[in-house]
Amino acid sequence: MANQMGASDRPARMSAIEHLARLIRERNLIEAGITEIIGRPAQIGHIGEYLASAIFGIDLEESATTPGYDGKFRDGTLIGKTVNVKMYGKREGMLDINETHVPDYYLVFTGPKTPPESSKGAARPWIISEVFLFDAPGLIKRVRARGVKIGVATSIISAEWDNARIFPSSPSSPLILSADQERLLGLFSA
């Protein structure tokens, strides 16, 4: 039988499994520490929401399942506006949009810009390369006008991403960050 593990392959596979078990135990300890800090499971989305709250002054909803948004800005020019926070390991040009419950803004943390490709053999580290602030109703209107299907993986053109980028900031950013906000976001870069 071609699918059976040969006797000579067993030690290498057992060693790999043992190594994997050790790494998972270490990861579990790290995730427990992250959970202690953020107060929710150490999932990338929850980490993004915690960072949004701490860095951007967002009061998160008590429930992580509030339809359409994760919280509201508590101060600044966006005070009282609802925001849905997204955190993606890569910037692949896709955004999860729910047309039934539209917030005022999408705040999106991404890793490096990459083309959509197979994840086979590739690591997806949790880093922040860029942050975007999209006016949600305006974005949805422009996406509809392009005839793009809206849903979990809504294709957003590069110009939209460029216009919404707030970190690294530029003079045309829709929200100018403080030096402290820039510094804090920089802690999570590659």
N, C-alpha and C. Protein backbone atom coordinates (compact mmCIF):
# COMPACT_ATOMS: atom_id res chain seq x y z
N MET A 1 0.84 -1.18 0.00
CA MET A 1 0.00 0.00 0.00
C MET A 1 0.88 1.24 0.00
N ALA A 2 0.67 2.10 -0.98
CA ALA A 2 1.50 3.28 -1.17
C ALA A 2 1.29 4.32 -0.08
N ASN A 3 0.16 4.32 0.59
CA ASN A 3 -0.17 5.36 1.55
C ASN A 3 0.34 5.05 2.96
N GLN A 4 0.86 3.86 3.18
CA GLN A 4 1.33 3.51 4.51
C GLN A 4 2.68 4.15 4.80
N MET A 5 2.86 4.50 6.06
CA MET A 5 4.12 5.09 6.49
C MET A 5 5.16 3.99 6.57
N GLY A 6 6.28 4.20 5.91
CA GLY A 6 7.36 3.23 5.97
C GLY A 6 8.03 3.26 7.32
N ALA A 7 8.64 2.15 7.71
CA ALA A 7 9.30 2.05 9.01
C ALA A 7 10.39 3.11 9.15
N SER A 8 11.08 3.43 8.08
CA SER A 8 12.17 4.41 8.16
C SER A 8 11.64 5.84 8.30
N ASP A 9 10.38 6.09 7.91
CA ASP A 9 9.78 7.43 8.02
C ASP A 9 9.24 7.71 9.43
N ARG A 10 8.97 6.68 10.20
CA ARG A 10 8.33 6.85 11.51
C ARG A 10 9.13 7.74 12.46
N PRO A 11 10.41 7.55 12.64
CA PRO A 11 11.14 8.41 13.59
C PRO A 11 11.09 9.89 13.22
N ALA A 12 11.23 10.22 11.94
CA ALA A 12 11.18 11.62 11.52
C ALA A 12 9.81 12.21 11.76
N ARG A 13 8.76 11.45 11.44
CA ARG A 13 7.41 11.94 11.65
C ARG A 13 7.11 12.09 13.14
N MET A 14 7.53 11.14 13.94
CA MET A 14 7.29 11.23 15.38
C MET A 14 8.03 12.44 15.94
N SER A 15 9.25 12.67 15.49
CA SER A 15 10.01 13.83 15.95
C SER A 15 9.31 15.12 15.55
N ALA A 16 8.77 15.18 14.33
CA ALA A 16 8.04 16.37 13.87
C ALA A 16 6.78 16.57 14.71
N ILE A 17 6.06 15.50 15.01
CA ILE A 17 4.85 15.60 15.83
C ILE A 17 5.19 16.05 17.24
N GLU A 18 6.25 15.52 17.80
CA GLU A 18 6.67 15.93 19.15
C GLU A 18 7.06 17.41 19.17
N HIS A 19 7.76 17.85 18.15
CA HIS A 19 8.15 19.26 18.04
C HIS A 19 6.90 20.14 17.91
N LEU A 20 5.97 19.71 17.06
CA LEU A 20 4.72 20.45 16.89
C LEU A 20 3.97 20.53 18.22
N ALA A 21 3.91 19.45 18.96
CA ALA A 21 3.23 19.45 20.27
C ALA A 21 3.87 20.47 21.22
N ARG A 22 5.20 20.53 21.24
CA ARG A 22 5.90 21.51 22.09
C ARG A 22 5.56 22.94 21.66
N LEU A 23 5.59 23.19 20.34
CA LEU A 23 5.27 24.53 19.84
C LEU A 23 3.84 24.93 20.18
N ILE A 24 2.91 24.00 20.06
CA ILE A 24 1.51 24.30 20.39
C ILE A 24 1.36 24.58 21.88
N ARG A 25 2.06 23.85 22.73
CA ARG A 25 2.02 24.15 24.18
C ARG A 25 2.54 25.57 24.44
N GLU A 26 3.63 25.96 23.77
CA GLU A 26 4.16 27.32 23.91
C GLU A 26 3.16 28.35 23.40
N ARG A 27 2.54 28.07 22.25
CA ARG A 27 1.54 28.98 21.70
C ARG A 27 0.37 29.14 22.66
N ASN A 28 -0.07 28.03 23.26
CA ASN A 28 -1.18 28.10 24.21
C ASN A 28 -0.85 29.00 25.40
N LEU A 29 0.38 28.95 25.87
CA LEU A 29 0.80 29.82 26.97
C LEU A 29 0.79 31.29 26.53
N ILE A 30 1.29 31.55 25.34
CA ILE A 30 1.30 32.91 24.81
C ILE A 30 -0.14 33.41 24.63
N GLU A 31 -1.00 32.57 24.07
CA GLU A 31 -2.40 32.97 23.87
C GLU A 31 -3.10 33.22 25.20
N ALA A 32 -2.77 32.47 26.23
CA ALA A 32 -3.35 32.73 27.56
C ALA A 32 -2.93 34.11 28.05
N GLY A 33 -1.66 34.49 27.81
CA GLY A 33 -1.19 35.82 28.19
C GLY A 33 -1.89 36.92 27.41
N ILE A 34 -2.09 36.70 26.11
CA ILE A 34 -2.80 37.68 25.28
C ILE A 34 -4.24 37.83 25.77
N THR A 35 -4.89 36.70 26.05
CA THR A 35 -6.27 36.70 26.53
C THR A 35 -6.39 37.47 27.83
N GLU A 36 -5.39 37.33 28.69
CA GLU A 36 -5.40 38.06 29.97
C GLU A 36 -5.37 39.57 29.72
N ILE A 37 -4.64 40.01 28.71
CA ILE A 37 -4.53 41.44 28.41
C ILE A 37 -5.79 41.96 27.73
N ILE A 38 -6.30 41.25 26.71
CA ILE A 38 -7.40 41.80 25.92
C ILE A 38 -8.77 41.42 26.45
N GLY A 39 -8.86 40.43 27.33
CA GLY A 39 -10.14 40.05 27.92
C GLY A 39 -11.04 39.22 27.01
N ARG A 40 -10.52 38.78 25.90
CA ARG A 40 -11.25 37.91 24.96
C ARG A 40 -10.26 36.89 24.41
N PRO A 41 -10.76 35.84 23.74
CA PRO A 41 -9.83 34.85 23.18
C PRO A 41 -8.81 35.51 22.25
N ALA A 42 -7.63 34.95 22.20
CA ALA A 42 -6.52 35.50 21.42
C ALA A 42 -6.68 35.20 19.94
N GLN A 43 -7.78 35.66 19.36
CA GLN A 43 -8.03 35.55 17.93
C GLN A 43 -7.62 36.87 17.28
N ILE A 44 -7.21 36.84 16.02
CA ILE A 44 -6.72 38.05 15.36
C ILE A 44 -7.78 39.16 15.37
N GLY A 45 -9.04 38.82 15.19
CA GLY A 45 -10.10 39.84 15.20
C GLY A 45 -10.25 40.51 16.55
N HIS A 46 -10.19 39.73 17.62
CA HIS A 46 -10.29 40.29 18.98
C HIS A 46 -9.08 41.17 19.30
N ILE A 47 -7.91 40.75 18.82
CA ILE A 47 -6.71 41.57 19.04
C ILE A 47 -6.86 42.90 18.31
N GLY A 48 -7.36 42.87 17.08
CA GLY A 48 -7.61 44.11 16.33
C GLY A 48 -8.57 45.03 17.06
N GLU A 49 -9.65 44.47 17.62
CA GLU A 49 -10.62 45.27 18.36
C GLU A 49 -9.98 45.89 19.60
N TYR A 50 -9.15 45.13 20.30
CA TYR A 50 -8.47 45.66 21.48
C TYR A 50 -7.56 46.82 21.08
N LEU A 51 -6.78 46.64 20.02
CA LEU A 51 -5.88 47.70 19.56
C LEU A 51 -6.67 48.93 19.12
N ALA A 52 -7.78 48.72 18.44
CA ALA A 52 -8.62 49.85 18.01
C ALA A 52 -9.10 50.63 19.23
N SER A 53 -9.52 49.91 20.25
CA SER A 53 -10.00 50.56 21.47
C SER A 53 -8.89 51.36 22.14
N ALA A 54 -7.75 50.73 22.28
CA ALA A 54 -6.64 51.35 23.02
C ALA A 54 -5.97 52.49 22.25
N ILE A 55 -5.83 52.34 20.95
CA ILE A 55 -5.08 53.33 20.16
C ILE A 55 -5.98 54.42 19.58
N PHE A 56 -7.21 54.06 19.22
CA PHE A 56 -8.09 55.01 18.53
C PHE A 56 -9.24 55.52 19.39
N GLY A 57 -9.25 55.18 20.68
CA GLY A 57 -10.31 55.69 21.55
C GLY A 57 -11.68 55.20 21.17
N ILE A 58 -11.81 53.90 21.01
CA ILE A 58 -13.10 53.30 20.65
C ILE A 58 -13.63 52.54 21.85
N ASP A 59 -14.88 52.82 22.22
CA ASP A 59 -15.56 52.05 23.25
C ASP A 59 -16.18 50.84 22.58
N LEU A 60 -15.66 49.66 22.92
CA LEU A 60 -16.18 48.43 22.32
C LEU A 60 -17.52 48.05 22.93
N GLU A 61 -18.35 47.43 22.14
CA GLU A 61 -19.62 46.90 22.63
C GLU A 61 -19.33 45.77 23.61
N GLU A 62 -20.21 45.60 24.57
CA GLU A 62 -20.04 44.53 25.56
C GLU A 62 -20.02 43.16 24.87
N SER A 63 -20.91 42.98 23.89
CA SER A 63 -21.00 41.72 23.16
C SER A 63 -20.16 41.82 21.88
N ALA A 64 -19.39 40.78 21.61
CA ALA A 64 -18.60 40.74 20.38
C ALA A 64 -19.46 40.39 19.17
N THR A 65 -20.76 40.22 19.38
CA THR A 65 -21.64 39.83 18.28
C THR A 65 -22.68 40.90 17.93
N THR A 66 -22.44 42.15 18.34
CA THR A 66 -23.36 43.23 17.97
C THR A 66 -23.39 43.34 16.45
N PRO A 67 -24.58 43.29 15.84
CA PRO A 67 -24.65 43.34 14.37
C PRO A 67 -24.12 44.65 13.80
N GLY A 68 -23.15 44.54 12.88
CA GLY A 68 -22.71 45.69 12.10
C GLY A 68 -21.54 46.47 12.62
N TYR A 69 -21.35 46.51 13.93
CA TYR A 69 -20.23 47.30 14.42
C TYR A 69 -19.69 46.73 15.73
N ASP A 70 -18.44 47.11 16.01
CA ASP A 70 -17.76 46.63 17.20
C ASP A 70 -17.74 47.65 18.32
N GLY A 71 -17.91 48.93 17.98
CA GLY A 71 -17.88 49.97 19.00
C GLY A 71 -18.13 51.33 18.40
N LYS A 72 -17.90 52.35 19.26
CA LYS A 72 -18.08 53.74 18.84
C LYS A 72 -16.87 54.56 19.29
N PHE A 73 -16.50 55.52 18.46
CA PHE A 73 -15.42 56.44 18.81
C PHE A 73 -15.88 57.27 20.00
N ARG A 74 -15.02 57.40 21.00
CA ARG A 74 -15.41 58.12 22.21
C ARG A 74 -14.95 59.58 22.23
N ASP A 75 -14.09 59.98 21.28
CA ASP A 75 -13.64 61.37 21.27
C ASP A 75 -13.13 61.75 19.89
N GLY A 76 -12.69 62.97 19.75
CA GLY A 76 -12.14 63.45 18.48
C GLY A 76 -13.22 63.79 17.47
N THR A 77 -12.81 63.92 16.23
CA THR A 77 -13.74 64.32 15.17
C THR A 77 -14.77 63.24 14.84
N LEU A 78 -14.53 62.01 15.27
CA LEU A 78 -15.44 60.91 14.95
C LEU A 78 -16.30 60.49 16.15
N ILE A 79 -16.34 61.31 17.18
CA ILE A 79 -17.07 60.95 18.41
C ILE A 79 -18.49 60.47 18.10
N GLY A 80 -18.85 59.32 18.68
CA GLY A 80 -20.18 58.75 18.54
C GLY A 80 -20.40 57.94 17.28
N LYS A 81 -19.45 57.95 16.36
CA LYS A 81 -19.60 57.21 15.10
C LYS A 81 -19.32 55.72 15.34
N THR A 82 -20.11 54.86 14.69
CA THR A 82 -19.91 53.41 14.83
C THR A 82 -18.78 52.95 13.93
N VAL A 83 -18.11 51.89 14.38
CA VAL A 83 -16.97 51.37 13.63
C VAL A 83 -16.94 49.85 13.71
N ASN A 84 -16.66 49.24 12.57
CA ASN A 84 -16.46 47.81 12.49
C ASN A 84 -14.96 47.62 12.27
N VAL A 85 -14.33 46.88 13.16
CA VAL A 85 -12.88 46.70 13.12
C VAL A 85 -12.54 45.38 12.44
N LYS A 86 -11.59 45.43 11.54
CA LYS A 86 -11.10 44.23 10.86
C LYS A 86 -9.59 44.17 11.03
N MET A 87 -9.06 42.96 11.19
CA MET A 87 -7.61 42.79 11.22
C MET A 87 -7.27 41.59 10.36
N TYR A 88 -6.48 41.85 9.32
CA TYR A 88 -6.09 40.82 8.37
C TYR A 88 -4.58 40.66 8.37
N GLY A 89 -4.11 39.42 8.30
CA GLY A 89 -2.68 39.15 8.28
C GLY A 89 -1.98 39.67 7.04
N LYS A 90 -2.72 39.83 5.96
CA LYS A 90 -2.19 40.37 4.71
C LYS A 90 -3.22 41.32 4.12
N ARG A 91 -2.75 42.24 3.31
CA ARG A 91 -3.66 43.10 2.55
C ARG A 91 -3.82 42.48 1.17
N GLU A 92 -4.93 41.76 1.00
CA GLU A 92 -5.18 41.05 -0.25
C GLU A 92 -6.24 41.74 -1.11
N GLY A 93 -6.68 42.93 -0.70
CA GLY A 93 -7.65 43.67 -1.49
C GLY A 93 -9.09 43.28 -1.23
N MET A 94 -9.33 42.48 -0.20
CA MET A 94 -10.68 42.02 0.13
C MET A 94 -11.11 42.61 1.47
N LEU A 95 -12.42 42.85 1.60
CA LEU A 95 -12.98 43.37 2.84
C LEU A 95 -14.31 42.67 3.09
N ASP A 96 -14.52 42.22 4.31
CA ASP A 96 -15.77 41.59 4.72
C ASP A 96 -16.81 42.68 4.97
N ILE A 97 -17.82 42.74 4.11
CA ILE A 97 -18.86 43.76 4.22
C ILE A 97 -20.22 43.09 4.37
N ASN A 98 -20.97 43.51 5.38
CA ASN A 98 -22.33 43.03 5.61
C ASN A 98 -23.28 44.17 5.28
N GLU A 99 -23.99 44.06 4.18
CA GLU A 99 -24.90 45.13 3.74
C GLU A 99 -26.11 45.30 4.65
N THR A 100 -26.44 44.29 5.43
CA THR A 100 -27.60 44.36 6.30
C THR A 100 -27.37 45.31 7.47
N HIS A 101 -26.15 45.34 7.97
CA HIS A 101 -25.80 46.18 9.12
C HIS A 101 -24.55 46.97 8.78
N VAL A 102 -24.73 48.19 8.31
CA VAL A 102 -23.60 49.01 7.86
C VAL A 102 -23.20 50.00 8.96
N PRO A 103 -21.93 49.96 9.39
CA PRO A 103 -21.46 50.94 10.37
C PRO A 103 -21.16 52.28 9.68
N ASP A 104 -20.75 53.25 10.46
CA ASP A 104 -20.30 54.51 9.87
C ASP A 104 -18.92 54.33 9.22
N TYR A 105 -18.07 53.52 9.86
CA TYR A 105 -16.69 53.34 9.38
C TYR A 105 -16.24 51.89 9.51
N TYR A 106 -15.30 51.53 8.63
CA TYR A 106 -14.52 50.31 8.77
C TYR A 106 -13.11 50.76 9.13
N LEU A 107 -12.57 50.24 10.22
CA LEU A 107 -11.18 50.47 10.60
C LEU A 107 -10.47 49.14 10.36
N VAL A 108 -9.52 49.15 9.43
CA VAL A 108 -8.92 47.89 8.97
C VAL A 108 -7.41 47.91 9.19
N PHE A 109 -6.94 46.95 9.98
CA PHE A 109 -5.51 46.73 10.19
C PHE A 109 -5.10 45.62 9.24
N THR A 110 -3.99 45.81 8.50
CA THR A 110 -3.52 44.74 7.61
C THR A 110 -2.02 44.52 7.75
N GLY A 111 -1.63 43.32 7.38
CA GLY A 111 -0.23 43.02 7.21
C GLY A 111 0.20 43.54 5.84
N PRO A 112 1.28 43.00 5.30
CA PRO A 112 1.79 43.51 4.03
C PRO A 112 0.84 43.25 2.86
N LYS A 113 0.94 44.12 1.85
CA LYS A 113 0.14 43.98 0.63
C LYS A 113 0.68 42.81 -0.18
N THR A 114 -0.21 41.88 -0.51
CA THR A 114 0.18 40.72 -1.31
C THR A 114 -0.94 40.38 -2.26
N PRO A 115 -0.60 39.75 -3.38
CA PRO A 115 -1.68 39.27 -4.26
C PRO A 115 -2.33 38.04 -3.64
N PRO A 116 -3.61 37.80 -3.93
CA PRO A 116 -4.24 36.57 -3.43
C PRO A 116 -3.48 35.37 -3.98
N GLU A 117 -3.09 34.49 -3.10
CA GLU A 117 -2.33 33.32 -3.52
C GLU A 117 -2.53 32.21 -2.51
N SER A 118 -2.05 31.06 -2.84
CA SER A 118 -2.16 29.91 -1.95
C SER A 118 -1.36 30.18 -0.68
N SER A 119 -1.89 29.73 0.44
CA SER A 119 -1.20 29.90 1.71
C SER A 119 -0.28 28.72 2.02
N LYS A 120 -0.23 27.75 1.13
CA LYS A 120 0.57 26.56 1.36
C LYS A 120 2.04 26.92 1.57
N GLY A 121 2.58 26.54 2.71
CA GLY A 121 3.98 26.76 3.02
C GLY A 121 4.33 28.19 3.40
N ALA A 122 3.35 29.07 3.51
CA ALA A 122 3.62 30.47 3.82
C ALA A 122 3.13 30.80 5.24
N ALA A 123 3.95 31.51 5.97
CA ALA A 123 3.55 31.98 7.29
C ALA A 123 2.69 33.22 7.13
N ARG A 124 1.83 33.47 8.09
CA ARG A 124 0.99 34.68 8.08
C ARG A 124 1.14 35.32 9.45
N PRO A 125 2.25 36.04 9.64
CA PRO A 125 2.48 36.64 10.97
C PRO A 125 1.46 37.74 11.27
N TRP A 126 1.23 37.95 12.54
CA TRP A 126 0.32 39.00 13.00
C TRP A 126 1.10 40.29 13.14
N ILE A 127 1.18 41.03 12.04
CA ILE A 127 1.87 42.32 12.05
C ILE A 127 0.95 43.37 11.44
N ILE A 128 1.24 44.61 11.75
CA ILE A 128 0.46 45.71 11.17
C ILE A 128 1.38 46.50 10.26
N SER A 129 1.12 46.42 8.97
CA SER A 129 1.88 47.19 7.98
C SER A 129 1.15 48.48 7.64
N GLU A 130 -0.20 48.39 7.62
CA GLU A 130 -1.01 49.54 7.25
C GLU A 130 -2.32 49.52 8.04
N VAL A 131 -2.92 50.71 8.19
CA VAL A 131 -4.24 50.84 8.80
C VAL A 131 -5.07 51.75 7.90
N PHE A 132 -6.34 51.39 7.74
CA PHE A 132 -7.24 52.11 6.84
C PHE A 132 -8.52 52.49 7.57
N LEU A 133 -9.07 53.64 7.21
CA LEU A 133 -10.35 54.08 7.73
C LEU A 133 -11.26 54.38 6.54
N PHE A 134 -12.23 53.49 6.33
CA PHE A 134 -13.17 53.63 5.22
C PHE A 134 -14.48 54.21 5.72
N ASP A 135 -15.01 55.21 5.02
CA ASP A 135 -16.37 55.67 5.23
C ASP A 135 -17.25 54.57 4.65
N ALA A 136 -17.90 53.79 5.52
CA ALA A 136 -18.59 52.57 5.07
C ALA A 136 -19.71 52.83 4.07
N PRO A 137 -20.66 53.74 4.34
CA PRO A 137 -21.73 53.95 3.35
C PRO A 137 -21.19 54.41 1.99
N GLY A 138 -20.21 55.31 1.99
CA GLY A 138 -19.63 55.79 0.74
C GLY A 138 -18.92 54.68 -0.01
N LEU A 139 -18.17 53.85 0.73
CA LEU A 139 -17.47 52.74 0.10
C LEU A 139 -18.45 51.77 -0.53
N ILE A 140 -19.50 51.42 0.19
CA ILE A 140 -20.48 50.48 -0.34
C ILE A 140 -21.15 51.04 -1.59
N LYS A 141 -21.44 52.31 -1.58
CA LYS A 141 -22.05 52.95 -2.76
C LYS A 141 -21.13 52.84 -3.98
N ARG A 142 -19.84 53.10 -3.78
CA ARG A 142 -18.88 53.03 -4.89
C ARG A 142 -18.67 51.58 -5.35
N VAL A 143 -18.68 50.64 -4.43
CA VAL A 143 -18.52 49.23 -4.79
C VAL A 143 -19.73 48.77 -5.62
N ARG A 144 -20.92 49.14 -5.18
CA ARG A 144 -22.14 48.80 -5.94
C ARG A 144 -22.07 49.39 -7.34
N ALA A 145 -21.62 50.65 -7.45
CA ALA A 145 -21.54 51.31 -8.76
C ALA A 145 -20.60 50.57 -9.70
N ARG A 146 -19.60 49.90 -9.15
CA ARG A 146 -18.67 49.11 -9.97
C ARG A 146 -19.25 47.75 -10.34
N GLY A 147 -20.41 47.40 -9.75
CA GLY A 147 -21.05 46.12 -10.05
C GLY A 147 -20.39 44.94 -9.36
N VAL A 148 -19.67 45.20 -8.27
CA VAL A 148 -18.96 44.15 -7.53
C VAL A 148 -19.91 43.50 -6.53
N LYS A 149 -19.83 42.19 -6.42
CA LYS A 149 -20.63 41.45 -5.44
C LYS A 149 -20.14 41.80 -4.03
N ILE A 150 -21.06 42.13 -3.15
CA ILE A 150 -20.72 42.51 -1.78
C ILE A 150 -20.97 41.33 -0.85
N GLY A 151 -20.00 41.06 0.02
CA GLY A 151 -20.12 39.95 0.96
C GLY A 151 -18.85 39.79 1.78
N VAL A 152 -18.57 38.56 2.15
CA VAL A 152 -17.44 38.26 3.03
C VAL A 152 -16.10 38.65 2.41
N ALA A 153 -15.96 38.48 1.11
CA ALA A 153 -14.71 38.79 0.42
C ALA A 153 -14.97 39.79 -0.70
N THR A 154 -15.39 40.99 -0.32
CA THR A 154 -15.68 42.03 -1.29
C THR A 154 -14.38 42.60 -1.85
N SER A 155 -14.26 42.61 -3.15
CA SER A 155 -13.06 43.13 -3.80
C SER A 155 -13.07 44.66 -3.76
N ILE A 156 -12.02 45.21 -3.18
CA ILE A 156 -11.87 46.66 -3.06
C ILE A 156 -10.66 47.07 -3.89
N ILE A 157 -10.85 48.00 -4.82
CA ILE A 157 -9.76 48.40 -5.71
C ILE A 157 -8.67 49.14 -4.94
N SER A 158 -7.47 49.10 -5.48
CA SER A 158 -6.29 49.71 -4.83
C SER A 158 -6.49 51.19 -4.52
N ALA A 159 -7.14 51.92 -5.41
CA ALA A 159 -7.35 53.35 -5.17
C ALA A 159 -8.16 53.59 -3.89
N GLU A 160 -9.12 52.74 -3.62
CA GLU A 160 -9.91 52.87 -2.37
C GLU A 160 -9.02 52.66 -1.16
N TRP A 161 -8.17 51.64 -1.21
CA TRP A 161 -7.24 51.38 -0.11
C TRP A 161 -6.31 52.58 0.08
N ASP A 162 -5.76 53.06 -1.01
CA ASP A 162 -4.82 54.19 -0.94
C ASP A 162 -5.48 55.42 -0.33
N ASN A 163 -6.73 55.69 -0.72
CA ASN A 163 -7.43 56.87 -0.21
C ASN A 163 -7.83 56.74 1.25
N ALA A 164 -7.94 55.51 1.75
CA ALA A 164 -8.38 55.28 3.13
C ALA A 164 -7.23 55.07 4.10
N ARG A 165 -6.00 55.02 3.61
CA ARG A 165 -4.86 54.71 4.49
C ARG A 165 -4.61 55.84 5.49
N ILE A 166 -4.54 55.44 6.78
CA ILE A 166 -4.21 56.41 7.84
C ILE A 166 -2.89 56.08 8.52
N PHE A 167 -2.35 54.86 8.27
CA PHE A 167 -1.04 54.48 8.77
C PHE A 167 -0.38 53.58 7.76
N PRO A 168 0.87 53.85 7.36
CA PRO A 168 1.58 55.08 7.64
C PRO A 168 0.81 56.27 7.07
N SER A 169 0.85 57.34 7.79
CA SER A 169 0.04 58.50 7.40
C SER A 169 0.69 59.29 6.27
N SER A 170 -0.18 60.05 5.63
CA SER A 170 0.27 60.98 4.59
C SER A 170 -0.60 62.23 4.73
N PRO A 171 -0.23 63.32 4.10
CA PRO A 171 -1.05 64.54 4.21
C PRO A 171 -2.49 64.35 3.74
N SER A 172 -2.73 63.35 2.86
CA SER A 172 -4.09 63.13 2.36
C SER A 172 -4.87 62.08 3.15
N SER A 173 -4.30 61.59 4.25
CA SER A 173 -5.00 60.58 5.06
C SER A 173 -6.32 61.13 5.58
N PRO A 174 -7.38 60.28 5.59
CA PRO A 174 -8.68 60.76 6.06
C PRO A 174 -8.73 61.04 7.57
N LEU A 175 -7.74 60.58 8.31
CA LEU A 175 -7.63 60.84 9.74
C LEU A 175 -6.15 60.98 10.06
N ILE A 176 -5.77 62.11 10.60
CA ILE A 176 -4.36 62.34 10.94
C ILE A 176 -4.11 61.79 12.35
N LEU A 177 -3.11 60.93 12.45
CA LEU A 177 -2.79 60.30 13.72
C LEU A 177 -1.81 61.14 14.51
N SER A 178 -1.88 60.98 15.82
CA SER A 178 -0.91 61.64 16.68
C SER A 178 0.41 60.88 16.61
N ALA A 179 1.47 61.52 17.07
CA ALA A 179 2.77 60.86 17.10
C ALA A 179 2.72 59.61 17.97
N ASP A 180 1.95 59.66 19.06
CA ASP A 180 1.82 58.51 19.95
C ASP A 180 1.08 57.36 19.25
N GLN A 181 0.02 57.67 18.50
CA GLN A 181 -0.68 56.62 17.76
C GLN A 181 0.24 55.98 16.72
N GLU A 182 1.00 56.80 16.03
CA GLU A 182 1.97 56.27 15.04
C GLU A 182 2.99 55.36 15.73
N ARG A 183 3.49 55.80 16.88
CA ARG A 183 4.47 55.01 17.62
C ARG A 183 3.89 53.66 18.06
N LEU A 184 2.67 53.69 18.61
CA LEU A 184 2.05 52.47 19.09
C LEU A 184 1.79 51.50 17.94
N LEU A 185 1.30 51.97 16.82
CA LEU A 185 1.08 51.09 15.67
C LEU A 185 2.41 50.54 15.16
N GLY A 186 3.45 51.33 15.21
CA GLY A 186 4.77 50.89 14.77
C GLY A 186 5.32 49.73 15.58
N LEU A 187 4.85 49.58 16.82
CA LEU A 187 5.28 48.45 17.65
C LEU A 187 4.88 47.11 17.05
N PHE A 188 3.87 47.11 16.19
CA PHE A 188 3.35 45.87 15.62
C PHE A 188 3.78 45.65 14.18
N SER A 189 4.69 46.49 13.68
CA SER A 189 5.15 46.33 12.29
C SER A 189 6.22 45.25 12.21
N ALA A 190 6.57 44.90 11.00
CA ALA A 190 7.54 43.80 10.79
C ALA A 190 8.90 44.14 11.33
